[in-house]
C-alpha cells in the first residue's frame, strides 16, 4: 500500500517487515516507521492512509485499524 501526505512525502507499506518507509517527493529516503514488533501471531499490515493531514491509519490483516500521529510530520506517537 502507498499513500502521499500533505507535504508530498510518499509512505510505502512493507507488510513483510511490518514497517512503513517514508520518502520525500524527490525520492530521498527520510525514515522507517516500524510501530509493530514482529513474531508469531503478529498481525500483518495491509493498508495505510493519511487522514486529516496529521493521522496515519494502518489496516491489519485482522480487520483492525490502528491510528498513529503521521510519522513524516514529527516524532511518532501512538494515539
C-alpha atoms as a PDB file:
ATOM      1  CA  UNK A   1       0.000   0.000   0.000  1.00  0.00           C
ATOM      2  CA  UNK A   2       1.222   3.510  -0.814  1.00  0.00           C
ATOM      3  CA  UNK A   3      -0.077   6.973   0.065  1.00  0.00           C
ATOM      4  CA  UNK A   4       1.085  10.594  -0.023  1.00  0.00           C
ATOM      5  CA  UNK A   5       0.855  13.044   2.881  1.00  0.00           C
ATOM      6  CA  UNK A   6       0.179  16.803   2.896  1.00  0.00           C
ATOM      7  CA  UNK A   7       3.913  17.524   2.404  1.00  0.00           C
ATOM      8  CA  UNK A   8       4.045  15.226  -0.654  1.00  0.00           C
ATOM      9  CA  UNK A   9       6.078  12.621   1.227  1.00  0.00           C
ATOM     10  CA  UNK A  10       5.493   9.097  -0.043  1.00  0.00           C
ATOM     11  CA  UNK A  11       4.604   6.473   2.569  1.00  0.00           C
ATOM     12  CA  UNK A  12       5.123   2.903   1.379  1.00  0.00           C
ATOM     13  CA  UNK A  13       3.982  -0.114   3.378  1.00  0.00           C
ATOM     14  CA  UNK A  14       6.230  -3.179   3.681  1.00  0.00           C
ATOM     15  CA  UNK A  15       3.920  -5.857   5.050  1.00  0.00           C
ATOM     16  CA  UNK A  16       6.699  -8.446   5.428  1.00  0.00           C
ATOM     17  CA  UNK A  17       8.795  -6.297   7.778  1.00  0.00           C
ATOM     18  CA  UNK A  18       5.692  -4.607   9.266  1.00  0.00           C
ATOM     19  CA  UNK A  19       7.159  -1.167   8.590  1.00  0.00           C
ATOM     20  CA  UNK A  20       6.409   1.980   6.625  1.00  0.00           C
ATOM     21  CA  UNK A  21       9.136   3.602   4.530  1.00  0.00           C
ATOM     22  CA  UNK A  22       8.910   7.380   4.197  1.00  0.00           C
ATOM     23  CA  UNK A  23      10.446   9.028   1.132  1.00  0.00           C
ATOM     24  CA  UNK A  24      10.273  12.686   0.121  1.00  0.00           C
ATOM     25  CA  UNK A  25       8.871  13.854  -3.204  1.00  0.00           C
ATOM     26  CA  UNK A  26      12.386  13.829  -4.720  1.00  0.00           C
ATOM     27  CA  UNK A  27      12.845  10.149  -3.880  1.00  0.00           C
ATOM     28  CA  UNK A  28      15.189  10.701  -0.930  1.00  0.00           C
ATOM     29  CA  UNK A  29      14.783   8.318   2.000  1.00  0.00           C
ATOM     30  CA  UNK A  30      13.620  10.070   5.195  1.00  0.00           C
ATOM     31  CA  UNK A  31      12.911   7.326   7.739  1.00  0.00           C
ATOM     32  CA  UNK A  32      11.348   3.981   8.543  1.00  0.00           C
ATOM     33  CA  UNK A  33       8.337   3.861  10.854  1.00  0.00           C
ATOM     34  CA  UNK A  34       8.034   0.457  12.497  1.00  0.00           C
ATOM     35  CA  UNK A  35       5.332   0.535  15.188  1.00  0.00           C
ATOM     36  CA  UNK A  36       4.861  -3.225  15.400  1.00  0.00           C
ATOM     37  CA  UNK A  37       7.187  -5.886  16.794  1.00  0.00           C
ATOM     38  CA  UNK A  38       7.141  -8.966  14.568  1.00  0.00           C
ATOM     39  CA  UNK A  39       6.803 -12.533  15.691  1.00  0.00           C
ATOM     40  CA  UNK A  40       4.412 -15.447  15.529  1.00  0.00           C
ATOM     41  CA  UNK A  41       0.821 -14.257  15.569  1.00  0.00           C
ATOM     42  CA  UNK A  42       1.693 -10.593  14.963  1.00  0.00           C
ATOM     43  CA  UNK A  43      -0.832  -9.113  12.509  1.00  0.00           C
ATOM     44  CA  UNK A  44       0.443  -8.190   9.063  1.00  0.00           C
ATOM     45  CA  UNK A  45      -0.080  -4.652   7.841  1.00  0.00           C
ATOM     46  CA  UNK A  46      -2.317  -4.447   4.777  1.00  0.00           C
ATOM     47  CA  UNK A  47      -3.128  -0.794   4.059  1.00  0.00           C
ATOM     48  CA  UNK A  48      -2.140   2.750   5.010  1.00  0.00           C
ATOM     49  CA  UNK A  49      -3.876   6.083   4.600  1.00  0.00           C
ATOM     50  CA  UNK A  50      -3.165   9.638   5.753  1.00  0.00           C
ATOM     51  CA  UNK A  51      -6.249  11.181   7.363  1.00  0.00           C
ATOM     52  CA  UNK A  52      -6.743  14.894   8.104  1.00  0.00           C
ATOM     53  CA  UNK A  53      -3.043  15.646   7.485  1.00  0.00           C
ATOM     54  CA  UNK A  54      -1.799  14.536  10.900  1.00  0.00           C
ATOM     55  CA  UNK A  55      -3.075  10.979  11.331  1.00  0.00           C
ATOM     56  CA  UNK A  56      -1.876   7.746   9.776  1.00  0.00           C
ATOM     57  CA  UNK A  57      -4.378   4.891   9.580  1.00  0.00           C
ATOM     58  CA  UNK A  58      -2.859   1.405   9.360  1.00  0.00           C
ATOM     59  CA  UNK A  59      -5.069  -1.544   8.431  1.00  0.00           C
ATOM     60  CA  UNK A  60      -4.115  -5.007   9.682  1.00  0.00           C
ATOM     61  CA  UNK A  61      -4.985  -8.433   8.279  1.00  0.00           C
ATOM     62  CA  UNK A  62      -7.159  -8.972  11.374  1.00  0.00           C
ATOM     63  CA  UNK A  63      -9.533  -6.220  10.229  1.00  0.00           C
ATOM     64  CA  UNK A  64      -8.363  -3.774  12.926  1.00  0.00           C
ATOM     65  CA  UNK A  65      -7.307  -0.245  12.052  1.00  0.00           C
ATOM     66  CA  UNK A  66      -4.619   1.405  14.181  1.00  0.00           C
ATOM     67  CA  UNK A  67      -4.275   5.197  14.318  1.00  0.00           C
ATOM     68  CA  UNK A  68      -0.922   6.981  14.707  1.00  0.00           C
ATOM     69  CA  UNK A  69       0.276  10.550  14.509  1.00  0.00           C
ATOM     70  CA  UNK A  70       1.684  10.970  10.982  1.00  0.00           C
ATOM     71  CA  UNK A  71       5.340   9.884  11.341  1.00  0.00           C
ATOM     72  CA  UNK A  72       6.515  12.091   8.474  1.00  0.00           C
ATOM     73  CA  UNK A  73       5.394  15.251  10.288  1.00  0.00           C
ATOM     74  CA  UNK A  74       7.196  14.716  13.610  1.00  0.00           C
ATOM     75  CA  UNK A  75       8.256  12.088  16.091  1.00  0.00           C
ATOM     76  CA  UNK A  76       5.954   9.089  16.092  1.00  0.00           C
ATOM     77  CA  UNK A  77       3.280   8.951  18.773  1.00  0.00           C
ATOM     78  CA  UNK A  78       0.582   6.304  19.092  1.00  0.00           C
ATOM     79  CA  UNK A  79      -2.852   7.819  19.678  1.00  0.00           C
END
